Structure formats: structure tokens, C-alpha cells
Amino acid sequence: MPNTGLPHVIVCEEAHNIAPARFEGQETIVEKMLREMRKFGESIWLMDQRPLAVSRDILGLCATIICLRLQYASDVGKVADTMHLNQEQALKLQELKQGEAVALLPRMSTAIPSTAILS
């Protein structure tokens, strides 16, 4: 039975500890959780400062992706690929200022800057 009340949220900081990149291509319990728990009103938030260390399969299961400034080109490449960013958009991930972000929301074909969300 679907949850009709407030959704329950599991917040996981340092997501690479439960969904490391070394398991890409192998279904993990976290992937099963992400696939199955949505239908019960469960929300799982995964956060990490180094997206390169997180499984690409897990990133691909995320409905909403919010990206703050990234420092390393390897992280930029992985997030840009996941968010379907072109090269120009990807380079901007390293130039974001404090409080700025790029978001990819469900049913959107392209990511949008936070200024577009807030205005």
C-alpha cells in the first residue's frame, strides 16, 4: 500500500561507503533499495563530495540530481555524463559559486542552473 502521509527520508552522507564505484555493473543491495522503496513512499538522499567514488549505476537511478561546485575534472566528467551535460555546461560545474547549483529534475531532458529554479 502506498504511503499517503509525509514521505520518510533516509539520508546517506558519504554515499561511496554504501555504493562504491568498484561495484559498477553488479547489482547491490542499495540499487535494490532504490528500485523497490519508491513505491512505498520512501525517499533516499545520497550525498558525496566525490561523485567519481560512487557507482555510476546508483547515480543513474537517482530521480533528482543537485550538483554544487566540483573541484576535480574526473568528478565533473562523471556528473556531466550522468546529468547529460554538454562540454560547456560541464565546465561550469567547476565555476559555481557558493550557494549555486545545477539541478536535473524528474521528467526534464536537461539540467538547469539554480538561478533558474529560484527565479
PDB file of N, CA and C in Angstrom:
ATOM      1  N   MET A   1       0.844  -1.179   0.000  1.00  0.00           N
ATOM      2  CA  MET A   1       0.000   0.000   0.000  1.00  0.00           C
ATOM      3  C   MET A   1       0.891   1.245   0.000  1.00  0.00           C
ATOM      4  N   PRO A   2       0.653   2.169  -0.930  1.00  0.00           N
ATOM      5  CA  PRO A   2       1.472   3.387  -0.987  1.00  0.00           C
ATOM      6  C   PRO A   2       1.304   4.242   0.261  1.00  0.00           C
ATOM      7  N   ASN A   3       2.342   4.938   0.613  1.00  0.00           N
ATOM      8  CA  ASN A   3       2.338   5.848   1.744  1.00  0.00           C
ATOM      9  C   ASN A   3       1.574   7.104   1.347  1.00  0.00           C
ATOM     10  N   THR A   4       0.536   7.462   2.115  1.00  0.00           N
ATOM     11  CA  THR A   4      -0.247   8.649   1.801  1.00  0.00           C
ATOM     12  C   THR A   4       0.105   9.824   2.708  1.00  0.00           C
ATOM     13  N   GLY A   5       0.918   9.598   3.732  1.00  0.00           N
ATOM     14  CA  GLY A   5       1.333  10.667   4.624  1.00  0.00           C
ATOM     15  C   GLY A   5       2.609  11.312   4.142  1.00  0.00           C
ATOM     16  N   LEU A   6       3.284  11.956   5.070  1.00  0.00           N
ATOM     17  CA  LEU A   6       4.573  12.549   4.734  1.00  0.00           C
ATOM     18  C   LEU A   6       5.557  11.449   4.382  1.00  0.00           C
ATOM     19  N   PRO A   7       6.354  11.651   3.349  1.00  0.00           N
ATOM     20  CA  PRO A   7       7.310  10.609   2.985  1.00  0.00           C
ATOM     21  C   PRO A   7       8.404  10.467   4.033  1.00  0.00           C
ATOM     22  N   HIS A   8       8.888   9.289   4.173  1.00  0.00           N
ATOM     23  CA  HIS A   8      10.013   9.017   5.055  1.00  0.00           C
ATOM     24  C   HIS A   8      11.281   9.198   4.238  1.00  0.00           C
ATOM     25  N   VAL A   9      12.306   9.748   4.841  1.00  0.00           N
ATOM     26  CA  VAL A   9      13.542  10.018   4.123  1.00  0.00           C
ATOM     27  C   VAL A   9      14.712   9.349   4.831  1.00  0.00           C
ATOM     28  N   ILE A  10      15.525   8.650   4.049  1.00  0.00           N
ATOM     29  CA  ILE A  10      16.805   8.132   4.528  1.00  0.00           C
ATOM     30  C   ILE A  10      17.866   9.027   3.908  1.00  0.00           C
ATOM     31  N   VAL A  11      18.721   9.612   4.725  1.00  0.00           N
ATOM     32  CA  VAL A  11      19.786  10.478   4.233  1.00  0.00           C
ATOM     33  C   VAL A  11      21.112   9.750   4.424  1.00  0.00           C
ATOM     34  N   CYS A  12      21.856   9.636   3.351  1.00  0.00           N
ATOM     35  CA  CYS A  12      23.138   8.937   3.393  1.00  0.00           C
ATOM     36  C   CYS A  12      24.244   9.884   2.932  1.00  0.00           C
ATOM     37  N   GLU A  13      25.019  10.358   3.869  1.00  0.00           N
ATOM     38  CA  GLU A  13      26.191  11.182   3.576  1.00  0.00           C
ATOM     39  C   GLU A  13      27.351  10.238   3.277  1.00  0.00           C
ATOM     40  N   GLU A  14      28.288  10.657   2.433  1.00  0.00           N
ATOM     41  CA  GLU A  14      29.413   9.818   2.032  1.00  0.00           C
ATOM     42  C   GLU A  14      28.908   8.534   1.371  1.00  0.00           C
ATOM     43  N   ALA A  15      28.100   8.712   0.327  1.00  0.00           N
ATOM     44  CA  ALA A  15      27.431   7.601  -0.365  1.00  0.00           C
ATOM     45  C   ALA A  15      28.408   6.566  -0.908  1.00  0.00           C
ATOM     46  N   HIS A  16      29.650   6.953  -1.147  1.00  0.00           N
ATOM     47  CA  HIS A  16      30.615   5.982  -1.668  1.00  0.00           C
ATOM     48  C   HIS A  16      30.870   4.828  -0.694  1.00  0.00           C
ATOM     49  N   ASN A  17      30.501   5.021   0.576  1.00  0.00           N
ATOM     50  CA  ASN A  17      30.681   3.946   1.552  1.00  0.00           C
ATOM     51  C   ASN A  17      29.666   2.816   1.372  1.00  0.00           C
ATOM     52  N   ILE A  18      28.486   3.117   0.819  1.00  0.00           N
ATOM     53  CA  ILE A  18      27.480   2.067   0.613  1.00  0.00           C
ATOM     54  C   ILE A  18      27.265   1.739  -0.862  1.00  0.00           C
ATOM     55  N   ALA A  19      27.741   2.591  -1.747  1.00  0.00           N
ATOM     56  CA  ALA A  19      27.575   2.359  -3.187  1.00  0.00           C
ATOM     57  C   ALA A  19      28.854   2.745  -3.921  1.00  0.00           C
ATOM     58  N   PRO A  20      29.953   2.052  -3.623  1.00  0.00           N
ATOM     59  CA  PRO A  20      31.226   2.424  -4.244  1.00  0.00           C
ATOM     60  C   PRO A  20      31.275   2.101  -5.729  1.00  0.00           C
ATOM     61  N   ALA A  21      32.065   2.855  -6.450  1.00  0.00           N
ATOM     62  CA  ALA A  21      32.200   2.687  -7.896  1.00  0.00           C
ATOM     63  C   ALA A  21      32.734   1.304  -8.257  1.00  0.00           C
ATOM     64  N   ARG A  22      33.439   0.663  -7.384  1.00  0.00           N
ATOM     65  CA  ARG A  22      34.018  -0.643  -7.724  1.00  0.00           C
ATOM     66  C   ARG A  22      32.951  -1.705  -7.973  1.00  0.00           C
ATOM     67  N   PHE A  23      31.695  -1.429  -7.601  1.00  0.00           N
ATOM     68  CA  PHE A  23      30.616  -2.385  -7.826  1.00  0.00           C
ATOM     69  C   PHE A  23      29.793  -2.068  -9.069  1.00  0.00           C
ATOM     70  N   GLU A  24      30.256  -1.138  -9.908  1.00  0.00           N
ATOM     71  CA  GLU A  24      29.509  -0.808 -11.127  1.00  0.00           C
ATOM     72  C   GLU A  24      29.297  -2.062 -11.948  1.00  0.00           C
ATOM     73  N   GLY A  25      28.069  -2.241 -12.428  1.00  0.00           N
ATOM     74  CA  GLY A  25      27.747  -3.399 -13.243  1.00  0.00           C
ATOM     75  C   GLY A  25      27.304  -4.610 -12.433  1.00  0.00           C
ATOM     76  N   GLN A  26      27.423  -4.542 -11.111  1.00  0.00           N
ATOM     77  CA  GLN A  26      26.972  -5.612 -10.225  1.00  0.00           C
ATOM     78  C   GLN A  26      25.850  -5.050  -9.362  1.00  0.00           C
ATOM     79  N   GLU A  27      24.667  -5.650  -9.417  1.00  0.00           N
ATOM     80  CA  GLU A  27      23.564  -5.119  -8.617  1.00  0.00           C
ATOM     81  C   GLU A  27      23.874  -5.267  -7.131  1.00  0.00           C
ATOM     82  N   THR A  28      23.724  -4.171  -6.417  1.00  0.00           N
ATOM     83  CA  THR A  28      23.982  -4.157  -4.981  1.00  0.00           C
ATOM     84  C   THR A  28      22.666  -3.989  -4.232  1.00  0.00           C
ATOM     85  N   ILE A  29      22.705  -4.175  -2.926  1.00  0.00           N
ATOM     86  CA  ILE A  29      21.510  -4.005  -2.106  1.00  0.00           C
ATOM     87  C   ILE A  29      20.995  -2.573  -2.186  1.00  0.00           C
ATOM     88  N   VAL A  30      21.888  -1.606  -2.342  1.00  0.00           N
ATOM     89  CA  VAL A  30      21.468  -0.207  -2.442  1.00  0.00           C
ATOM     90  C   VAL A  30      20.659   0.007  -3.724  1.00  0.00           C
ATOM     91  N   GLU A  31      21.088  -0.590  -4.836  1.00  0.00           N
ATOM     92  CA  GLU A  31      20.309  -0.488  -6.069  1.00  0.00           C
ATOM     93  C   GLU A  31      18.928  -1.096  -5.897  1.00  0.00           C
ATOM     94  N   LYS A  32      18.857  -2.248  -5.253  1.00  0.00           N
ATOM     95  CA  LYS A  32      17.560  -2.884  -4.998  1.00  0.00           C
ATOM     96  C   LYS A  32      16.685  -1.975  -4.150  1.00  0.00           C
ATOM     97  N   MET A  33      17.286  -1.358  -3.138  1.00  0.00           N
ATOM     98  CA  MET A  33      16.524  -0.441  -2.281  1.00  0.00           C
ATOM     99  C   MET A  33      15.974   0.726  -3.098  1.00  0.00           C
ATOM    100  N   LEU A  34      16.823   1.330  -3.926  1.00  0.00           N
ATOM    101  CA  LEU A  34      16.379   2.479  -4.716  1.00  0.00           C
ATOM    102  C   LEU A  34      15.245   2.098  -5.663  1.00  0.00           C
ATOM    103  N   ARG A  35      15.314   0.914  -6.230  1.00  0.00           N
ATOM    104  CA  ARG A  35      14.274   0.471  -7.164  1.00  0.00           C
ATOM    105  C   ARG A  35      12.964   0.144  -6.457  1.00  0.00           C
ATOM    106  N   GLU A  36      13.037  -0.496  -5.316  1.00  0.00           N
ATOM    107  CA  GLU A  36      11.848  -1.029  -4.662  1.00  0.00           C
ATOM    108  C   GLU A  36      11.174  -0.087  -3.663  1.00  0.00           C
ATOM    109  N   MET A  37      11.931   0.749  -2.998  1.00  0.00           N
ATOM    110  CA  MET A  37      11.361   1.515  -1.892  1.00  0.00           C
ATOM    111  C   MET A  37      10.549   2.725  -2.328  1.00  0.00           C
ATOM    112  N   ARG A  38      10.749   3.206  -3.558  1.00  0.00           N
ATOM    113  CA  ARG A  38       9.985   4.368  -4.025  1.00  0.00           C
ATOM    114  C   ARG A  38       8.486   4.116  -3.990  1.00  0.00           C
ATOM    115  N   LYS A  39       8.087   2.898  -4.342  1.00  0.00           N
ATOM    116  CA  LYS A  39       6.654   2.605  -4.399  1.00  0.00           C
ATOM    117  C   LYS A  39       5.994   2.628  -3.022  1.00  0.00           C
ATOM    118  N   PHE A  40       6.808   2.647  -1.970  1.00  0.00           N
ATOM    119  CA  PHE A  40       6.279   2.709  -0.613  1.00  0.00           C
ATOM    120  C   PHE A  40       6.396   4.108  -0.009  1.00  0.00           C
ATOM    121  N   GLY A  41       6.684   5.105  -0.837  1.00  0.00           N
ATOM    122  CA  GLY A  41       6.785   6.478  -0.357  1.00  0.00           C
ATOM    123  C   GLY A  41       8.104   6.775   0.331  1.00  0.00           C
ATOM    124  N   GLU A  42       9.073   5.913   0.134  1.00  0.00           N
ATOM    125  CA  GLU A  42      10.385   6.092   0.756  1.00  0.00           C
ATOM    126  C   GLU A  42      11.258   6.952  -0.144  1.00  0.00           C
ATOM    127  N   SER A  43      11.955   7.877   0.439  1.00  0.00           N
ATOM    128  CA  SER A  43      12.878   8.723  -0.301  1.00  0.00           C
ATOM    129  C   SER A  43      14.276   8.498   0.254  1.00  0.00           C
ATOM    130  N   ILE A  44      15.230   8.274  -0.639  1.00  0.00           N
ATOM    131  CA  ILE A  44      16.613   8.065  -0.218  1.00  0.00           C
ATOM    132  C   ILE A  44      17.460   9.161  -0.842  1.00  0.00           C
ATOM    133  N   TRP A  45      18.127   9.931  -0.006  1.00  0.00           N
ATOM    134  CA  TRP A  45      19.002  11.006  -0.470  1.00  0.00           C
ATOM    135  C   TRP A  45      20.436  10.535  -0.312  1.00  0.00           C
ATOM    136  N   LEU A  46      21.166  10.533  -1.412  1.00  0.00           N
ATOM    137  CA  LEU A  46      22.573  10.152  -1.393  1.00  0.00           C
ATOM    138  C   LEU A  46      23.421  11.383  -1.642  1.00  0.00           C
ATOM    139  N   MET A  47      24.435  11.588  -0.823  1.00  0.00           N
ATOM    140  CA  MET A  47      25.311  12.748  -0.963  1.00  0.00           C
ATOM    141  C   MET A  47      26.756  12.295  -0.923  1.00  0.00           C
ATOM    142  N   ASP A  48      27.581  12.965  -1.708  1.00  0.00           N
ATOM    143  CA  ASP A  48      29.008  12.670  -1.676  1.00  0.00           C
ATOM    144  C   ASP A  48      29.764  13.841  -2.276  1.00  0.00           C
ATOM    145  N   GLN A  49      30.942  14.112  -1.743  1.00  0.00           N
ATOM    146  CA  GLN A  49      31.778  15.177  -2.277  1.00  0.00           C
ATOM    147  C   GLN A  49      32.584  14.714  -3.477  1.00  0.00           C
ATOM    148  N   ARG A  50      32.703  13.423  -3.683  1.00  0.00           N
ATOM    149  CA  ARG A  50      33.480  12.866  -4.785  1.00  0.00           C
ATOM    150  C   ARG A  50      32.609  11.899  -5.589  1.00  0.00           C
ATOM    151  N   PRO A  51      31.823  12.403  -6.521  1.00  0.00           N
ATOM    152  CA  PRO A  51      30.949  11.533  -7.309  1.00  0.00           C
ATOM    153  C   PRO A  51      31.688  10.418  -8.037  1.00  0.00           C
ATOM    154  N   LEU A  52      32.955  10.614  -8.339  1.00  0.00           N
ATOM    155  CA  LEU A  52      33.730   9.582  -9.018  1.00  0.00           C
ATOM    156  C   LEU A  52      33.787   8.297  -8.190  1.00  0.00           C
ATOM    157  N   ALA A  53      33.708   8.424  -6.877  1.00  0.00           N
ATOM    158  CA  ALA A  53      33.784   7.265  -5.990  1.00  0.00           C
ATOM    159  C   ALA A  53      32.457   6.526  -5.842  1.00  0.00           C
ATOM    160  N   VAL A  54      31.369   7.086  -6.384  1.00  0.00           N
ATOM    161  CA  VAL A  54      30.038   6.486  -6.273  1.00  0.00           C
ATOM    162  C   VAL A  54      29.727   5.707  -7.545  1.00  0.00           C
ATOM    163  N   SER A  55      29.076   4.577  -7.382  1.00  0.00           N
ATOM    164  CA  SER A  55      28.711   3.731  -8.506  1.00  0.00           C
ATOM    165  C   SER A  55      27.882   4.497  -9.543  1.00  0.00           C
ATOM    166  N   ARG A  56      28.272   4.390 -10.801  1.00  0.00           N
ATOM    167  CA  ARG A  56      27.525   5.014 -11.901  1.00  0.00           C
ATOM    168  C   ARG A  56      26.101   4.456 -11.961  1.00  0.00           C
ATOM    169  N   ASP A  57      25.940   3.180 -11.634  1.00  0.00           N
ATOM    170  CA  ASP A  57      24.612   2.568 -11.639  1.00  0.00           C
ATOM    171  C   ASP A  57      23.695   3.250 -10.618  1.00  0.00           C
ATOM    172  N   ILE A  58      24.240   3.565  -9.463  1.00  0.00           N
ATOM    173  CA  ILE A  58      23.456   4.253  -8.426  1.00  0.00           C
ATOM    174  C   ILE A  58      23.111   5.669  -8.877  1.00  0.00           C
ATOM    175  N   LEU A  59      24.075   6.387  -9.429  1.00  0.00           N
ATOM    176  CA  LEU A  59      23.802   7.743  -9.913  1.00  0.00           C
ATOM    177  C   LEU A  59      22.709   7.724 -10.978  1.00  0.00           C
ATOM    178  N   GLY A  60      22.717   6.703 -11.818  1.00  0.00           N
ATOM    179  CA  GLY A  60      21.715   6.587 -12.871  1.00  0.00           C
ATOM    180  C   GLY A  60      20.312   6.324 -12.347  1.00  0.00           C
ATOM    181  N   LEU A  61      20.200   5.806 -11.137  1.00  0.00           N
ATOM    182  CA  LEU A  61      18.890   5.543 -10.543  1.00  0.00           C
ATOM    183  C   LEU A  61      18.305   6.770  -9.840  1.00  0.00           C
ATOM    184  N   CYS A  62      19.094   7.799  -9.675  1.00  0.00           N
ATOM    185  CA  CYS A  62      18.629   9.000  -8.964  1.00  0.00           C
ATOM    186  C   CYS A  62      17.642   9.777  -9.833  1.00  0.00           C
ATOM    187  N   ALA A  63      16.490  10.100  -9.263  1.00  0.00           N
ATOM    188  CA  ALA A  63      15.482  10.859  -9.996  1.00  0.00           C
ATOM    189  C   ALA A  63      15.847  12.342 -10.043  1.00  0.00           C
ATOM    190  N   THR A  64      16.362  12.863  -8.971  1.00  0.00           N
ATOM    191  CA  THR A  64      16.758  14.264  -8.893  1.00  0.00           C
ATOM    192  C   THR A  64      18.240  14.317  -8.546  1.00  0.00           C
ATOM    193  N   ILE A  65      18.986  15.108  -9.297  1.00  0.00           N
ATOM    194  CA  ILE A  65      20.409  15.281  -9.014  1.00  0.00           C
ATOM    195  C   ILE A  65      20.664  16.776  -8.843  1.00  0.00           C
ATOM    196  N   ILE A  66      21.277  17.130  -7.732  1.00  0.00           N
ATOM    197  CA  ILE A  66      21.665  18.512  -7.476  1.00  0.00           C
ATOM    198  C   ILE A  66      23.171  18.516  -7.296  1.00  0.00           C
ATOM    199  N   CYS A  67      23.845  19.311  -8.094  1.00  0.00           N
ATOM    200  CA  CYS A  67      25.301  19.346  -8.079  1.00  0.00           C
ATOM    201  C   CYS A  67      25.794  20.739  -7.710  1.00  0.00           C
ATOM    202  N   LEU A  68      26.594  20.803  -6.659  1.00  0.00           N
ATOM    203  CA  LEU A  68      27.280  22.031  -6.280  1.00  0.00           C
ATOM    204  C   LEU A  68      28.634  22.038  -6.979  1.00  0.00           C
ATOM    205  N   ARG A  69      29.455  23.024  -6.719  1.00  0.00           N
ATOM    206  CA  ARG A  69      30.757  23.136  -7.395  1.00  0.00           C
ATOM    207  C   ARG A  69      31.601  21.890  -7.178  1.00  0.00           C
ATOM    208  N   LEU A  70      32.182  21.423  -8.265  1.00  0.00           N
ATOM    209  CA  LEU A  70      33.096  20.292  -8.220  1.00  0.00           C
ATOM    210  C   LEU A  70      34.506  20.778  -8.517  1.00  0.00           C
ATOM    211  N   GLN A  71      35.474  20.197  -7.840  1.00  0.00           N
ATOM    212  CA  GLN A  71      36.853  20.637  -7.990  1.00  0.00           C
ATOM    213  C   GLN A  71      37.607  19.832  -9.043  1.00  0.00           C
ATOM    214  N   TYR A  72      37.395  18.548  -9.100  1.00  0.00           N
ATOM    215  CA  TYR A  72      38.218  17.675  -9.938  1.00  0.00           C
ATOM    216  C   TYR A  72      37.545  17.368 -11.280  1.00  0.00           C
ATOM    217  N   ALA A  73      38.343  17.379 -12.335  1.00  0.00           N
ATOM    218  CA  ALA A  73      37.832  17.111 -13.686  1.00  0.00           C
ATOM    219  C   ALA A  73      37.216  15.725 -13.787  1.00  0.00           C
ATOM    220  N   SER A  74      37.755  14.761 -13.061  1.00  0.00           N
ATOM    221  CA  SER A  74      37.211  13.402 -13.102  1.00  0.00           C
ATOM    222  C   SER A  74      35.788  13.367 -12.532  1.00  0.00           C
ATOM    223  N   ASP A  75      35.535  14.117 -11.457  1.00  0.00           N
ATOM    224  CA  ASP A  75      34.186  14.210 -10.892  1.00  0.00           C
ATOM    225  C   ASP A  75      33.260  14.935 -11.857  1.00  0.00           C
ATOM    226  N   VAL A  76      33.759  16.010 -12.462  1.00  0.00           N
ATOM    227  CA  VAL A  76      32.967  16.773 -13.430  1.00  0.00           C
ATOM    228  C   VAL A  76      32.531  15.863 -14.573  1.00  0.00           C
ATOM    229  N   GLY A  77      33.450  15.065 -15.085  1.00  0.00           N
ATOM    230  CA  GLY A  77      33.132  14.176 -16.194  1.00  0.00           C
ATOM    231  C   GLY A  77      32.039  13.179 -15.850  1.00  0.00           C
ATOM    232  N   LYS A  78      32.122  12.602 -14.658  1.00  0.00           N
ATOM    233  CA  LYS A  78      31.123  11.609 -14.257  1.00  0.00           C
ATOM    234  C   LYS A  78      29.753  12.240 -14.061  1.00  0.00           C
ATOM    235  N   VAL A  79      29.706  13.383 -13.393  1.00  0.00           N
ATOM    236  CA  VAL A  79      28.427  14.052 -13.162  1.00  0.00           C
ATOM    237  C   VAL A  79      27.852  14.584 -14.479  1.00  0.00           C
ATOM    238  N   ALA A  80      28.694  15.149 -15.321  1.00  0.00           N
ATOM    239  CA  ALA A  80      28.234  15.668 -16.613  1.00  0.00           C
ATOM    240  C   ALA A  80      27.618  14.558 -17.443  1.00  0.00           C
ATOM    241  N   ASP A  81      28.227  13.387 -17.423  1.00  0.00           N
ATOM    242  CA  ASP A  81      27.682  12.248 -18.147  1.00  0.00           C
ATOM    243  C   ASP A  81      26.332  11.831 -17.555  1.00  0.00           C
ATOM    244  N   THR A  82      26.243  11.768 -16.241  1.00  0.00           N
ATOM    245  CA  THR A  82      25.007  11.375 -15.565  1.00  0.00           C
ATOM    246  C   THR A  82      23.884  12.379 -15.803  1.00  0.00           C
ATOM    247  N   MET A  83      24.237  13.677 -15.822  1.00  0.00           N
ATOM    248  CA  MET A  83      23.229  14.729 -15.987  1.00  0.00           C
ATOM    249  C   MET A  83      23.014  15.116 -17.454  1.00  0.00           C
ATOM    250  N   HIS A  84      23.707  14.453 -18.372  1.00  0.00           N
ATOM    251  CA  HIS A  84      23.577  14.718 -19.812  1.00  0.00           C
ATOM    252  C   HIS A  84      23.953  16.163 -20.158  1.00  0.00           C
ATOM    253  N   LEU A  85      25.068  16.625 -19.605  1.00  0.00           N
ATOM    254  CA  LEU A  85      25.540  17.986 -19.861  1.00  0.00           C
ATOM    255  C   LEU A  85      26.475  17.991 -21.062  1.00  0.00           C
ATOM    256  N   ASN A  86      26.421  19.068 -21.836  1.00  0.00           N
ATOM    257  CA  ASN A  86      27.405  19.220 -22.913  1.00  0.00           C
ATOM    258  C   ASN A  86      28.706  19.740 -22.291  1.00  0.00           C
ATOM    259  N   GLN A  87      29.742  19.876 -23.107  1.00  0.00           N
ATOM    260  CA  GLN A  87      31.065  20.261 -22.582  1.00  0.00           C
ATOM    261  C   GLN A  87      31.039  21.645 -21.925  1.00  0.00           C
ATOM    262  N   GLU A  88      30.341  22.579 -22.530  1.00  0.00           N
ATOM    263  CA  GLU A  88      30.263  23.937 -21.963  1.00  0.00           C
ATOM    264  C   GLU A  88      29.559  23.920 -20.615  1.00  0.00           C
ATOM    265  N   GLN A  89      28.460  23.190 -20.515  1.00  0.00           N
ATOM    266  CA  GLN A  89      27.741  23.091 -19.248  1.00  0.00           C
ATOM    267  C   GLN A  89      28.597  22.400 -18.189  1.00  0.00           C
ATOM    268  N   ALA A  90      29.312  21.357 -18.598  1.00  0.00           N
ATOM    269  CA  ALA A  90      30.158  20.617 -17.664  1.00  0.00           C
ATOM    270  C   ALA A  90      31.240  21.511 -17.065  1.00  0.00           C
ATOM    271  N   LEU A  91      31.860  22.334 -17.880  1.00  0.00           N
ATOM    272  CA  LEU A  91      32.911  23.222 -17.382  1.00  0.00           C
ATOM    273  C   LEU A  91      32.387  24.184 -16.333  1.00  0.00           C
ATOM    274  N   LYS A  92      31.127  24.550 -16.432  1.00  0.00           N
ATOM    275  CA  LYS A  92      30.535  25.483 -15.456  1.00  0.00           C
ATOM    276  C   LYS A  92      30.408  24.859 -14.067  1.00  0.00           C
ATOM    277  N   LEU A  93      30.435  23.517 -13.989  1.00  0.00           N
ATOM    278  CA  LEU A  93      30.352  22.866 -12.682  1.00  0.00           C
ATOM    279  C   LEU A  93      31.546  23.227 -11.802  1.00  0.00           C
ATOM    280  N   GLN A  94      32.671  23.551 -12.410  1.00  0.00           N
ATOM    281  CA  GLN A  94      33.854  23.937 -11.642  1.00  0.00           C
ATOM    282  C   GLN A  94      33.866  25.432 -11.319  1.00  0.00           C
ATOM    283  N   GLU A  95      32.936  26.181 -11.895  1.00  0.00           N
ATOM    284  CA  GLU A  95      32.891  27.629 -11.695  1.00  0.00           C
ATOM    285  C   GLU A  95      31.741  28.091 -10.815  1.00  0.00           C
ATOM    286  N   LEU A  96      30.922  27.156 -10.335  1.00  0.00           N
ATOM    287  CA  LEU A  96      29.791  27.540  -9.497  1.00  0.00           C
ATOM    288  C   LEU A  96      30.285  28.215  -8.224  1.00  0.00           C
ATOM    289  N   LYS A  97      29.568  29.240  -7.812  1.00  0.00           N
ATOM    290  CA  LYS A  97      29.911  29.958  -6.587  1.00  0.00           C
ATOM    291  C   LYS A  97      29.153  29.342  -5.414  1.00  0.00           C
ATOM    292  N   GLN A  98      29.517  29.737  -4.206  1.00  0.00           N
ATOM    293  CA  GLN A  98      28.835  29.235  -3.016  1.00  0.00           C
ATOM    294  C   GLN A  98      27.347  29.531  -3.117  1.00  0.00           C
ATOM    295  N   GLY A  99      26.522  28.536  -2.882  1.00  0.00           N
ATOM    296  CA  GLY A  99      25.078  28.694  -2.953  1.00  0.00           C
ATOM    297  C   GLY A  99      24.494  28.441  -4.333  1.00  0.00           C
ATOM    298  N   GLU A 100      25.330  28.279  -5.342  1.00  0.00           N
ATOM    299  CA  GLU A 100      24.851  27.979  -6.685  1.00  0.00           C
ATOM    300  C   GLU A 100      24.895  26.478  -6.922  1.00  0.00           C
ATOM    301  N   ALA A 101      23.996  26.002  -7.757  1.00  0.00           N
ATOM    302  CA  ALA A 101      23.938  24.577  -8.074  1.00  0.00           C
ATOM    303  C   ALA A 101      23.360  24.394  -9.468  1.00  0.00           C
ATOM    304  N   VAL A 102      23.495  23.187  -9.970  1.00  0.00           N
ATOM    305  CA  VAL A 102      22.853  22.773 -11.209  1.00  0.00           C
ATOM    306  C   VAL A 102      21.978  21.590 -10.826  1.00  0.00           C
ATOM    307  N   ALA A 103      20.747  21.568 -11.311  1.00  0.00           N
ATOM    308  CA  ALA A 103      19.816  20.511 -10.925  1.00  0.00           C
ATOM    309  C   ALA A 103      19.228  19.819 -12.145  1.00  0.00           C
ATOM    310  N   LEU A 104      19.058  18.522 -12.018  1.00  0.00           N
ATOM    311  CA  LEU A 104      18.346  17.726 -13.005  1.00  0.00           C
ATOM    312  C   LEU A 104      17.157  17.125 -12.274  1.00  0.00           C
ATOM    313  N   LEU A 105      15.973  17.505 -12.690  1.00  0.00           N
ATOM    314  CA  LEU A 105      14.750  17.086 -12.017  1.00  0.00           C
ATOM    315  C   LEU A 105      14.030  16.032 -12.849  1.00  0.00           C
ATOM    316  N   PRO A 106      13.169  15.235 -12.208  1.00  0.00           N
ATOM    317  CA  PRO A 106      12.444  14.208 -12.955  1.00  0.00           C
ATOM    318  C   PRO A 106      11.693  14.801 -14.151  1.00  0.00           C
ATOM    319  N   ARG A 107      11.643  14.051 -15.207  1.00  0.00           N
ATOM    320  CA  ARG A 107      10.933  14.407 -16.443  1.00  0.00           C
ATOM    321  C   ARG A 107      11.519  15.632 -17.143  1.00  0.00           C
ATOM    322  N   MET A 108      12.785  15.963 -16.841  1.00  0.00           N
ATOM    323  CA  MET A 108      13.457  17.053 -17.547  1.00  0.00           C
ATOM    324  C   MET A 108      14.546  16.451 -18.421  1.00  0.00           C
ATOM    325  N   SER A 109      14.682  16.965 -19.608  1.00  0.00           N
ATOM    326  CA  SER A 109      15.685  16.417 -20.517  1.00  0.00           C
ATOM    327  C   SER A 109      17.049  17.075 -20.338  1.00  0.00           C
ATOM    328  N   THR A 110      17.081  18.211 -19.682  1.00  0.00           N
ATOM    329  CA  THR A 110      18.350  18.900 -19.482  1.00  0.00           C
ATOM    330  C   THR A 110      18.394  19.535 -18.093  1.00  0.00           C
ATOM    331  N   ALA A 111      19.584  19.650 -17.556  1.00  0.00           N
ATOM    332  CA  ALA A 111      19.778  20.245 -16.234  1.00  0.00           C
ATOM    333  C   ALA A 111      19.620  21.755 -16.318  1.00  0.00           C
ATOM    334  N   ILE A 112      19.246  22.349 -15.198  1.00  0.00           N
ATOM    335  CA  ILE A 112      19.062  23.805 -15.145  1.00  0.00           C
ATOM    336  C   ILE A 112      19.882  24.383 -13.992  1.00  0.00           C
ATOM    337  N   PRO A 113      20.379  25.618 -14.153  1.00  0.00           N
ATOM    338  CA  PRO A 113      21.115  26.249 -13.055  1.00  0.00           C
ATOM    339  C   PRO A 113      20.164  26.662 -11.942  1.00  0.00           C
ATOM    340  N   SER A 114      20.704  26.768 -10.721  1.00  0.00           N
ATOM    341  CA  SER A 114      19.868  27.116  -9.579  1.00  0.00           C
ATOM    342  C   SER A 114      19.214  28.475  -9.743  1.00  0.00           C
ATOM    343  N   THR A 115      19.837  29.380 -10.475  1.00  0.00           N
ATOM    344  CA  THR A 115      19.231  30.701 -10.662  1.00  0.00           C
ATOM    345  C   THR A 115      17.909  30.575 -11.405  1.00  0.00           C
ATOM    346  N   ALA A 116      17.781  29.595 -12.284  1.00  0.00           N
ATOM    347  CA  ALA A 116      16.518  29.380 -12.996  1.00  0.00           C
ATOM    348  C   ALA A 116      15.474  28.780 -12.067  1.00  0.00           C
ATOM    349  N   ILE A 117      15.904  27.983 -11.080  1.00  0.00           N
ATOM    350  CA  ILE A 117      14.981  27.392 -10.129  1.00  0.00           C
ATOM    351  C   ILE A 117      14.432  28.458  -9.191  1.00  0.00           C
ATOM    352  N   LEU A 118      15.311  29.356  -8.750  1.00  0.00           N
ATOM    353  CA  LEU A 118      14.930  30.347  -7.751  1.00  0.00           C
ATOM    354  C   LEU A 118      14.180  31.533  -8.331  1.00  0.00           C
ATOM    355  N   SER A 119      14.300  31.783  -9.612  1.00  0.00           N
ATOM    356  CA  SER A 119      13.653  32.967 -10.167  1.00  0.00           C
ATOM    357  C   SER A 119      12.264  32.668 -10.681  1.00  0.00           C
TER     358      SER A 119
END
